[in-house]
Amino acid sequence: MASKPGGDYEYGTLYRSEDKVYPREVKGTFATLRRIAMIVLLGAFYLGPWITWDNRQAILFDLPARKFYIFGMTLWPQDFVYLALLLIVLAVSLFFFTALAGRLWCGYACPQTVWTEAFTWIEMIIEGDRGKRIKLDKAPWTFDKIRKKTLKQFCWISLGLFTGFSFVGYFSDIRQLSSDLLSLNAGGWEYFWVLFYGFATYGNAGFMREQVCKYMCPYARFQGAMFDRDTLIITYDTERGEPRGGRRRGSDAKAQGLGDCVDCTMCVQVCPTGIDIRKGLQYECIACAACIDACDTVMDKVGSPRGLIRYSTERALEHKSYRLIRPRTVVYTGILTILLATLVTTIALRKPVILDVIRDRNALYRDVGRQGIENSYTIRVVNKHNEDHEYELSVHGIKEMQIQTDTRFSLGGESVMTLPVSVVVPHELASGGQVIQFRLDSTDGSEITVTEESRFRGPIEGH
């Protein structure tokens, strides 16, 4: 509610419906890069579940079995630290590349951007260029309009459902899933998640589009904290472009008191979020660089140099040198290097077998007569290899200690075995709580060795 000079009040609404954005198709270097990124990323996403590795799906997050298959590597729940490290690496990488060149992620690799590009491309093929789409939406409903709108919705829904199906295929064997869906034998949850992610793709990329980037994405809100005066951002050269105004091709703009900007608004028409880059850096800008391609095309036509809208920095616009090496980039580089080295090293040194030792807590120890003092343990062995292995179990730490169990066994690939184990120590050597070490060695030439510590409990001296 705002007051008028006469004292009356003007009433308004708290919410204003946004006008639909009709981005114009643009050609140029950055448009080509975006299309290549879209094809590569969508191709990888849709083809990923169909790749076979060692007679199984190459990428499969088998939640019921609690196993993650990533090509030749199988991750168990105990290996989730690697996934955590990978997520941290990706987060720091996002900060690093944002500090260097702004919102590269948003403009070229974000799923919202990639699928919106695909849905917009379908819309352009069916309904035509920007002018035809605007005219079609304003026109009354005719057979031709119904035909185009129906065909577009059919293509959008089909792509959305295929996206949901592909996504679920990363968590359930996609070949079996496709067979079950076609024969209507799939489980209720599988149908639910295919429809859920299909609807989410259809809604976000088909209808909400730029609204997701402008109002729902948190990255747009905190990106400014990662920018500095040397971050590459898409900028309009105000000094060169102002004042704006139309002119004939080949005419002397300076003699007319004009800058290089002809005020054609092409940069606004191609923007997928509908902003005017000439108003300065805005959080709605996703750095897709469509305005650069459009402006360069116009500059070529009017005979002016390219770069009126370009990737630049605040420091460069002030005619100062660009600083690539600065505290922010050095810190990010150091952190990213350490994290990557840690991730690669831990994966390279990852043991192919897990040995867990669980001591029986129901009884501290048992006196078994002349044999000595007995402790009971439960040994759990996880073979993370996809090949069978033969192992031998031994225990160390106290003299004359013996295992009252068969210590040799075979374990299949990606299998788990639980063994009850009894360890006996002579009376004179069993006192208090002593550290012992269980050791598992492969006996099939694979040179696998893993150890795990526990404690052996005996009578306390003096009691």
Protein backbone atom coordinates (compact mmCIF):
# COMPACT_ATOMS: atom_id res chain seq x y z
CA MET A 1 0.00 0.00 0.00
CA ALA A 2 1.51 3.33 -1.06
CA SER A 3 0.34 6.87 -0.30
CA LYS A 4 -0.44 9.41 -3.00
CA PRO A 5 0.44 13.12 -2.78
CA GLY A 6 -3.21 13.97 -2.06
CA GLY A 7 -3.36 11.69 0.95
CA ASP A 8 -5.25 8.84 -0.71
CA TYR A 9 -3.83 5.34 -0.81
CA GLU A 10 -3.15 3.06 -3.72
CA TYR A 11 -3.72 -0.61 -3.01
CA GLY A 12 -1.64 -3.30 -4.66
CA THR A 13 -1.02 -7.02 -4.36
CA LEU A 14 1.80 -8.79 -2.58
CA TYR A 15 2.30 -11.12 -5.54
CA ARG A 16 2.63 -10.23 -9.20
CA SER A 17 2.44 -12.93 -11.81
CA GLU A 18 5.60 -13.03 -13.91
CA ASP A 19 5.31 -12.55 -17.65
CA LYS A 20 6.23 -15.61 -19.68
CA VAL A 21 9.74 -15.46 -21.11
CA TYR A 22 10.09 -16.31 -24.79
CA PRO A 23 13.83 -16.66 -25.40
CA ARG A 24 14.90 -16.08 -28.99
CA GLU A 25 17.10 -18.68 -30.64
CA VAL A 26 20.67 -17.48 -30.94
CA LYS A 27 23.74 -18.76 -32.77
CA GLY A 28 27.33 -18.27 -31.77
CA THR A 29 30.29 -19.75 -29.94
CA PHE A 30 28.66 -19.96 -26.52
CA ALA A 31 25.38 -21.26 -27.93
CA THR A 32 27.33 -24.07 -29.59
CA LEU A 33 29.11 -24.85 -26.32
CA ARG A 34 25.77 -25.01 -24.49
CA ARG A 35 24.31 -27.40 -27.04
CA ILE A 36 27.39 -29.61 -26.89
CA ALA A 37 27.16 -29.64 -23.09
CA MET A 38 23.45 -30.51 -23.31
CA ILE A 39 24.04 -33.39 -25.73
CA VAL A 40 26.97 -34.79 -23.74
CA LEU A 41 25.30 -34.53 -20.33
CA LEU A 42 21.90 -35.83 -21.42
CA GLY A 43 23.58 -38.58 -23.42
CA ALA A 44 25.63 -39.63 -20.38
CA PHE A 45 22.53 -39.56 -18.15
CA TYR A 46 20.27 -41.57 -20.46
CA LEU A 47 22.93 -44.07 -21.60
CA GLY A 48 24.61 -44.50 -18.19
CA PRO A 49 22.27 -47.18 -16.82
CA TRP A 50 22.54 -49.25 -20.01
CA ILE A 51 26.34 -49.63 -19.86
CA THR A 52 27.46 -53.13 -18.84
CA TRP A 53 30.57 -53.86 -16.80
CA ASP A 54 31.65 -57.40 -15.81
CA ASN A 55 28.24 -58.80 -16.79
CA ARG A 56 26.32 -56.33 -14.62
CA GLN A 57 25.08 -52.77 -14.80
CA ALA A 58 28.09 -50.45 -14.67
CA ILE A 59 26.43 -47.81 -12.46
CA LEU A 60 23.88 -49.14 -9.99
CA PHE A 61 23.00 -47.89 -6.52
CA ASP A 62 21.45 -51.06 -5.10
CA LEU A 63 19.86 -49.72 -1.92
CA PRO A 64 18.16 -52.98 -0.79
CA ALA A 65 21.49 -54.82 -1.00
CA ARG A 66 23.33 -51.77 0.37
CA LYS A 67 25.88 -51.83 -2.44
CA PHE A 68 26.92 -49.11 -4.89
CA TYR A 69 28.40 -50.35 -8.16
CA ILE A 70 30.50 -47.80 -10.02
CA PHE A 71 32.11 -49.58 -12.97
CA GLY A 72 34.75 -51.91 -11.49
CA MET A 73 34.36 -50.68 -7.92
CA THR A 74 31.81 -51.87 -5.37
CA LEU A 75 31.10 -49.58 -2.43
CA TRP A 76 29.64 -50.96 0.78
CA PRO A 77 28.08 -49.00 3.67
CA GLN A 78 31.53 -48.91 5.28
CA ASP A 79 32.80 -47.09 2.17
CA PHE A 80 30.38 -44.16 2.34
CA VAL A 81 33.27 -42.00 3.48
CA TYR A 82 34.41 -42.00 -0.16
CA LEU A 83 31.06 -40.68 -1.31
CA ALA A 84 31.21 -38.02 1.39
CA LEU A 85 34.69 -37.00 0.23
CA LEU A 86 33.50 -36.91 -3.38
CA LEU A 87 30.60 -34.60 -2.48
CA ILE A 88 32.97 -32.30 -0.60
CA VAL A 89 35.31 -32.24 -3.62
CA LEU A 90 32.40 -31.31 -5.89
CA ALA A 91 31.28 -28.55 -3.51
CA VAL A 92 34.77 -27.03 -3.28
CA SER A 93 35.11 -27.34 -7.07
CA LEU A 94 31.91 -25.33 -7.42
CA PHE A 95 33.32 -22.61 -5.17
CA PHE A 96 36.64 -22.66 -7.04
CA PHE A 97 35.19 -22.34 -10.54
CA THR A 98 32.68 -19.74 -9.36
CA ALA A 99 35.51 -17.61 -7.98
CA LEU A 100 37.30 -17.93 -11.33
CA ALA A 101 34.51 -17.53 -13.86
CA GLY A 102 31.19 -16.93 -12.14
CA ARG A 103 28.20 -19.19 -12.64
CA LEU A 104 29.68 -21.62 -15.17
CA TRP A 105 27.75 -24.44 -13.48
CA CYS A 106 24.43 -22.65 -13.91
CA GLY A 107 25.00 -21.71 -17.52
CA TYR A 108 26.25 -25.01 -18.89
CA ALA A 109 25.94 -28.00 -16.53
CA CYS A 110 23.08 -27.46 -14.06
CA PRO A 111 20.30 -30.06 -14.60
CA GLN A 112 17.72 -27.27 -14.59
CA THR A 113 19.58 -25.49 -17.41
CA VAL A 114 20.24 -28.66 -19.40
CA TRP A 115 16.66 -29.96 -19.33
CA THR A 116 15.19 -26.49 -19.87
CA GLU A 117 17.37 -26.21 -22.99
CA ALA A 118 16.02 -29.56 -24.20
CA PHE A 119 12.38 -28.64 -23.52
CA THR A 120 12.81 -25.22 -25.15
CA TRP A 121 14.38 -26.85 -28.20
CA ILE A 122 11.32 -29.13 -28.54
CA GLU A 123 9.05 -26.09 -28.20
CA MET A 124 10.94 -24.21 -30.91
CA ILE A 125 10.72 -27.14 -33.32
CA ILE A 126 6.95 -27.50 -32.89
CA GLU A 127 5.78 -23.91 -32.36
CA GLY A 128 8.44 -21.95 -34.23
CA ASP A 129 10.71 -19.05 -33.33
CA ARG A 130 10.07 -16.40 -30.68
CA GLY A 131 7.68 -14.30 -32.71
CA LYS A 132 5.59 -17.30 -33.77
CA ARG A 133 5.37 -18.61 -30.20
CA ILE A 134 4.18 -15.24 -28.89
CA LYS A 135 1.63 -14.97 -31.70
CA LEU A 136 0.44 -18.55 -31.14
CA ASP A 137 -0.13 -18.01 -27.41
CA LYS A 138 -2.17 -14.85 -28.07
CA ALA A 139 -4.19 -16.39 -30.90
CA PRO A 140 -7.64 -17.95 -30.29
CA TRP A 141 -7.90 -21.70 -30.02
CA THR A 142 -7.99 -23.21 -33.50
CA PHE A 143 -7.31 -26.70 -34.80
CA ASP A 144 -3.72 -25.74 -35.68
CA LYS A 145 -3.08 -24.32 -32.20
CA ILE A 146 -4.60 -27.38 -30.49
CA ARG A 147 -2.50 -29.66 -32.71
CA LYS A 148 0.76 -27.88 -31.90
CA LYS A 149 0.07 -27.55 -28.19
CA THR A 150 -1.00 -31.21 -27.93
CA LEU A 151 2.08 -32.41 -29.82
CA LYS A 152 4.34 -30.28 -27.62
CA GLN A 153 2.76 -31.59 -24.42
CA PHE A 154 3.03 -35.17 -25.68
CA CYS A 155 6.76 -34.70 -26.39
CA TRP A 156 7.33 -32.98 -23.04
CA ILE A 157 5.50 -35.69 -21.09
CA SER A 158 7.33 -38.43 -22.99
CA LEU A 159 10.72 -36.87 -22.27
CA GLY A 160 9.76 -36.33 -18.62
CA LEU A 161 8.66 -39.95 -18.17
CA PHE A 162 11.78 -41.24 -19.93
CA THR A 163 13.85 -39.07 -17.57
CA GLY A 164 12.05 -40.54 -14.55
CA PHE A 165 12.53 -44.06 -15.91
CA SER A 166 16.25 -43.44 -16.51
CA PHE A 167 16.70 -41.99 -13.03
CA VAL A 168 15.05 -44.99 -11.36
CA GLY A 169 17.26 -47.17 -13.57
CA TYR A 170 20.27 -46.06 -11.54
CA PHE A 171 18.71 -47.65 -8.43
CA SER A 172 17.08 -50.72 -9.97
CA ASP A 173 18.38 -52.95 -12.76
CA ILE A 174 17.19 -51.00 -15.79
CA ARG A 175 16.70 -53.99 -18.05
CA GLN A 176 14.52 -55.75 -15.51
CA LEU A 177 12.80 -52.44 -14.74
CA SER A 178 11.92 -51.83 -18.38
CA SER A 179 10.55 -55.36 -18.72
CA ASP A 180 8.49 -55.02 -15.52
CA LEU A 181 7.10 -51.63 -16.52
CA LEU A 182 6.06 -52.80 -19.98
CA SER A 183 4.43 -55.94 -18.57
CA LEU A 184 2.84 -53.96 -15.69
CA ASN A 185 4.63 -56.17 -13.15
CA ALA A 186 6.73 -53.45 -11.52
CA GLY A 187 6.33 -52.62 -7.86
CA GLY A 188 4.26 -49.70 -6.63
CA TRP A 189 7.30 -47.73 -5.51
CA GLU A 190 8.94 -48.06 -8.93
CA TYR A 191 5.85 -46.65 -10.63
CA PHE A 192 5.69 -43.88 -8.03
CA TRP A 193 9.29 -42.73 -8.47
CA VAL A 194 9.15 -42.89 -12.28
CA LEU A 195 6.02 -40.71 -12.23
CA PHE A 196 7.39 -38.44 -9.50
CA TYR A 197 10.67 -37.62 -11.24
CA GLY A 198 8.96 -37.49 -14.61
CA PHE A 199 6.48 -34.95 -13.29
CA ALA A 200 9.29 -32.97 -11.59
CA THR A 201 11.22 -32.77 -14.88
CA TYR A 202 8.10 -31.85 -16.82
CA GLY A 203 7.14 -29.11 -14.35
CA ASN A 204 10.58 -27.62 -13.75
CA ALA A 205 11.88 -27.65 -17.33
CA GLY A 206 8.58 -27.18 -19.16
CA PHE A 207 6.67 -24.67 -17.08
CA MET A 208 8.67 -23.16 -14.20
CA ARG A 209 11.92 -22.77 -16.15
CA GLU A 210 13.57 -19.49 -15.15
CA GLN A 211 11.39 -19.24 -12.03
CA VAL A 212 13.39 -22.12 -10.52
CA CYS A 213 16.64 -20.21 -11.07
CA LYS A 214 15.24 -16.88 -9.86
CA TYR A 215 13.22 -17.92 -6.83
CA MET A 216 13.92 -21.51 -5.82
CA CYS A 217 17.65 -22.08 -6.34
CA PRO A 218 19.71 -21.10 -3.26
CA TYR A 219 22.90 -20.83 -5.32
CA ALA A 220 21.66 -17.60 -6.88
CA ARG A 221 21.45 -16.08 -3.41
CA PHE A 222 24.91 -16.86 -2.06
CA GLN A 223 26.93 -16.72 -5.28
CA GLY A 224 27.90 -13.12 -4.51
CA ALA A 225 29.88 -14.31 -1.50
CA MET A 226 32.20 -16.19 -3.87
CA PHE A 227 32.68 -13.30 -6.31
CA ASP A 228 35.44 -10.72 -6.09
CA ARG A 229 36.70 -7.96 -8.35
CA ASP A 230 38.71 -10.47 -10.41
CA THR A 231 35.91 -12.99 -11.02
CA LEU A 232 35.03 -13.39 -14.70
CA ILE A 233 31.41 -12.38 -15.15
CA ILE A 234 29.24 -11.41 -18.10
CA THR A 235 29.24 -7.63 -18.23
CA TYR A 236 28.00 -4.80 -20.39
CA ASP A 237 30.66 -2.17 -21.13
CA THR A 238 28.78 0.95 -20.07
CA GLU A 239 31.66 3.26 -20.96
CA ARG A 240 31.67 2.03 -24.53
CA GLY A 241 27.95 1.43 -25.03
CA GLU A 242 26.31 4.56 -23.59
CA PRO A 243 24.42 6.57 -24.58
CA ARG A 244 22.33 4.09 -26.55
CA GLY A 245 20.51 4.81 -29.75
CA GLY A 246 19.77 3.58 -33.24
CA ARG A 247 21.90 4.53 -36.21
CA ARG A 248 22.41 3.55 -39.81
CA ARG A 249 25.00 1.03 -40.80
CA GLY A 250 28.38 2.66 -41.39
CA SER A 251 27.39 5.96 -39.79
CA ASP A 252 29.68 7.65 -37.26
CA ALA A 253 28.08 6.98 -33.88
CA LYS A 254 30.52 9.25 -32.03
CA ALA A 255 29.64 12.17 -34.28
CA GLN A 256 26.01 11.64 -33.28
CA GLY A 257 26.95 11.52 -29.61
CA LEU A 258 26.07 7.83 -29.33
CA GLY A 259 27.80 4.80 -27.89
CA ASP A 260 28.09 1.43 -29.60
CA CYS A 261 24.81 0.06 -28.18
CA VAL A 262 22.07 0.39 -30.82
CA ASP A 263 19.36 -0.41 -28.22
CA CYS A 264 18.06 -3.36 -30.25
CA THR A 265 17.20 -5.33 -27.05
CA MET A 266 18.45 -8.54 -28.64
CA CYS A 267 20.39 -9.26 -25.44
CA VAL A 268 17.08 -9.20 -23.56
CA GLN A 269 15.18 -11.27 -26.12
CA VAL A 270 17.67 -14.17 -26.02
CA CYS A 271 18.01 -14.22 -22.22
CA PRO A 272 16.35 -17.36 -20.75
CA THR A 273 15.59 -15.50 -17.50
CA GLY A 274 14.37 -12.33 -19.23
CA ILE A 275 16.81 -9.84 -17.65
CA ASP A 276 18.55 -6.85 -19.19
CA ILE A 277 22.29 -7.35 -18.74
CA ARG A 278 22.82 -3.63 -19.44
CA LYS A 279 21.46 -2.89 -15.96
CA GLY A 280 24.52 -4.52 -14.40
CA LEU A 281 25.21 -7.82 -12.65
CA GLN A 282 21.98 -9.41 -11.38
CA TYR A 283 21.45 -12.54 -9.35
CA GLU A 284 19.00 -13.81 -11.99
CA CYS A 285 21.82 -14.07 -14.54
CA ILE A 286 22.79 -17.72 -15.03
CA ALA A 287 25.87 -16.87 -17.15
CA CYS A 288 24.64 -18.75 -20.23
CA ALA A 289 26.35 -16.09 -22.43
CA ALA A 290 23.44 -15.98 -24.90
CA CYS A 291 23.55 -12.18 -24.69
CA ILE A 292 27.21 -12.23 -25.75
CA ASP A 293 26.42 -14.19 -28.90
CA ALA A 294 23.45 -11.95 -29.71
CA CYS A 295 25.36 -8.72 -29.16
CA ASP A 296 28.38 -9.89 -31.17
CA THR A 297 26.05 -10.71 -34.07
CA VAL A 298 24.55 -7.20 -33.93
CA MET A 299 27.97 -5.57 -33.69
CA ASP A 300 29.04 -7.45 -36.82
CA LYS A 301 26.00 -6.14 -38.68
CA VAL A 302 26.51 -2.49 -37.69
CA GLY A 303 30.26 -2.62 -38.24
CA SER A 304 31.34 -2.15 -34.63
CA PRO A 305 33.91 -4.22 -32.73
CA ARG A 306 32.70 -7.26 -30.81
CA GLY A 307 32.80 -7.39 -27.02
CA LEU A 308 30.27 -4.75 -26.00
CA ILE A 309 28.87 -7.55 -23.83
CA ARG A 310 31.61 -9.96 -22.84
CA TYR A 311 33.23 -12.00 -20.12
CA SER A 312 35.24 -9.56 -18.05
CA THR A 313 35.96 -8.50 -14.46
CA GLU A 314 35.23 -5.41 -12.46
CA ARG A 315 38.96 -4.70 -12.31
CA ALA A 316 39.34 -5.05 -16.09
CA LEU A 317 36.45 -2.64 -16.68
CA GLU A 318 38.41 -0.10 -14.65
CA HIS A 319 41.36 -0.65 -17.03
CA LYS A 320 43.36 -2.58 -14.45
CA SER A 321 45.14 -5.89 -14.94
CA TYR A 322 43.41 -9.18 -14.22
CA ARG A 323 44.75 -11.18 -11.27
CA LEU A 324 44.34 -14.93 -11.66
CA ILE A 325 46.49 -15.79 -8.64
CA ARG A 326 44.95 -14.21 -5.55
CA PRO A 327 44.26 -15.35 -1.97
CA ARG A 328 40.82 -16.75 -2.78
CA THR A 329 41.96 -18.91 -5.70
CA VAL A 330 45.10 -20.04 -3.87
CA VAL A 331 43.07 -21.21 -0.85
CA TYR A 332 40.50 -23.01 -3.01
CA THR A 333 43.28 -24.63 -5.06
CA GLY A 334 45.05 -25.83 -1.92
CA ILE A 335 41.89 -27.25 -0.35
CA LEU A 336 40.84 -28.92 -3.59
CA THR A 337 44.30 -30.46 -4.10
CA ILE A 338 44.35 -31.88 -0.57
CA LEU A 339 40.85 -33.30 -0.90
CA LEU A 340 41.54 -34.87 -4.29
CA ALA A 341 44.82 -36.37 -3.07
CA THR A 342 43.05 -37.76 0.00
CA LEU A 343 40.23 -39.25 -2.08
CA VAL A 344 42.56 -40.87 -4.62
CA THR A 345 44.91 -42.19 -1.92
CA THR A 346 42.17 -43.68 0.24
CA ILE A 347 40.58 -45.39 -2.75
CA ALA A 348 43.96 -46.71 -3.94
CA LEU A 349 44.74 -48.09 -0.44
CA ARG A 350 41.21 -49.40 0.07
CA LYS A 351 41.22 -52.91 1.50
CA PRO A 352 39.27 -55.44 -0.59
CA VAL A 353 38.07 -57.20 2.55
CA ILE A 354 36.51 -56.00 5.80
CA LEU A 355 37.21 -57.74 9.10
CA ASP A 356 34.96 -56.94 12.05
CA VAL A 357 35.54 -58.46 15.49
CA ILE A 358 32.70 -58.37 18.01
CA ARG A 359 33.49 -59.63 21.50
CA ASP A 360 30.85 -61.59 23.41
CA ARG A 361 29.61 -59.16 26.06
CA ASN A 362 27.38 -61.66 27.87
CA ALA A 363 30.35 -63.28 29.61
CA LEU A 364 33.72 -61.65 30.31
CA TYR A 365 35.47 -65.03 30.20
CA ARG A 366 34.99 -68.73 30.93
CA ASP A 367 37.28 -71.07 32.80
CA VAL A 368 37.60 -74.23 30.69
CA GLY A 369 39.71 -76.20 33.17
CA ARG A 370 43.16 -77.33 32.20
CA GLN A 371 42.88 -75.68 28.78
CA GLY A 372 42.84 -72.21 30.29
CA ILE A 373 40.62 -69.13 29.99
CA GLU A 374 38.26 -68.83 27.03
CA ASN A 375 36.85 -65.71 25.36
CA SER A 376 34.20 -65.82 22.61
CA TYR A 377 34.06 -63.55 19.58
CA THR A 378 31.95 -63.13 16.47
CA ILE A 379 34.05 -62.59 13.36
CA ARG A 380 32.37 -60.89 10.39
CA VAL A 381 34.22 -60.99 7.06
CA VAL A 382 33.07 -58.99 4.03
CA ASN A 383 34.65 -59.85 0.66
CA LYS A 384 34.27 -56.65 -1.38
CA HIS A 385 35.87 -58.24 -4.46
CA ASN A 386 33.62 -59.73 -7.11
CA GLU A 387 35.87 -62.83 -7.07
CA ASP A 388 36.00 -65.75 -4.63
CA HIS A 389 38.90 -65.86 -2.17
CA GLU A 390 40.31 -68.31 0.37
CA TYR A 391 41.38 -67.00 3.77
CA GLU A 392 43.09 -68.08 6.95
CA LEU A 393 42.34 -66.48 10.32
CA SER A 394 44.96 -66.16 13.05
CA VAL A 395 45.26 -64.34 16.38
CA HIS A 396 48.32 -62.71 17.97
CA GLY A 397 49.26 -60.79 21.07
CA ILE A 398 49.54 -63.41 23.87
CA LYS A 399 51.87 -66.42 23.98
CA GLU A 400 50.35 -69.89 23.52
CA MET A 401 47.00 -68.39 22.48
CA GLN A 402 44.88 -70.79 20.43
CA ILE A 403 41.78 -70.50 18.27
CA GLN A 404 39.23 -73.25 18.92
CA THR A 405 37.69 -72.92 15.43
CA ASP A 406 38.49 -73.97 11.88
CA THR A 407 40.63 -71.06 10.70
CA ARG A 408 40.56 -71.79 6.97
CA PHE A 409 37.52 -70.95 4.87
CA SER A 410 36.43 -69.79 1.42
CA LEU A 411 34.26 -66.73 0.76
CA GLY A 412 32.47 -65.90 -2.46
CA GLY A 413 32.70 -62.58 -4.25
CA GLU A 414 30.70 -59.73 -2.71
CA SER A 415 29.67 -62.03 0.13
CA VAL A 416 29.52 -61.78 3.90
CA MET A 417 30.40 -64.53 6.37
CA THR A 418 29.89 -64.62 10.13
CA LEU A 419 32.06 -66.97 12.22
CA PRO A 420 31.79 -67.79 15.95
CA VAL A 421 35.34 -67.95 17.31
CA SER A 422 36.67 -69.09 20.68
CA VAL A 423 40.14 -68.07 21.84
CA VAL A 424 41.84 -69.91 24.75
CA VAL A 425 44.84 -68.70 26.80
CA PRO A 426 46.64 -70.62 29.59
CA HIS A 427 45.67 -69.56 33.13
CA GLU A 428 49.08 -68.12 33.97
CA LEU A 429 48.99 -65.82 30.93
CA ALA A 430 45.34 -64.72 31.12
CA SER A 431 44.95 -61.78 33.44
CA GLY A 432 43.00 -58.53 33.21
CA GLY A 433 42.33 -57.09 29.77
CA GLN A 434 45.02 -57.54 27.12
CA VAL A 435 45.09 -56.26 23.55
CA ILE A 436 45.07 -58.98 20.92
CA GLN A 437 45.05 -58.80 17.16
CA PHE A 438 43.05 -60.88 14.70
CA ARG A 439 44.66 -61.27 11.31
CA LEU A 440 43.10 -62.43 8.06
CA ASP A 441 45.39 -63.59 5.23
CA SER A 442 44.44 -64.80 1.78
CA THR A 443 45.83 -68.20 0.84
CA ASP A 444 45.09 -68.13 -2.87
CA GLY A 445 47.98 -65.89 -3.94
CA SER A 446 46.02 -62.63 -3.93
CA GLU A 447 48.20 -61.21 -1.11
CA ILE A 448 45.35 -59.77 0.93
CA THR A 449 46.02 -59.05 4.60
CA VAL A 450 43.82 -57.21 7.06
CA THR A 451 44.02 -56.93 10.86
CA GLU A 452 41.63 -55.88 13.63
CA GLU A 453 42.30 -55.33 17.31
CA SER A 454 40.20 -56.54 20.24
CA ARG A 455 40.69 -57.43 23.90
CA PHE A 456 41.09 -60.69 25.77
CA ARG A 457 39.59 -60.67 29.26
CA GLY A 458 40.80 -62.84 32.13
CA PRO A 459 40.73 -62.95 35.94
CA ILE A 460 42.07 -59.84 37.65
CA GLU A 461 45.14 -60.58 39.75
CA GLY A 462 44.37 -60.71 43.46
CA HIS A 463 40.71 -61.75 42.94
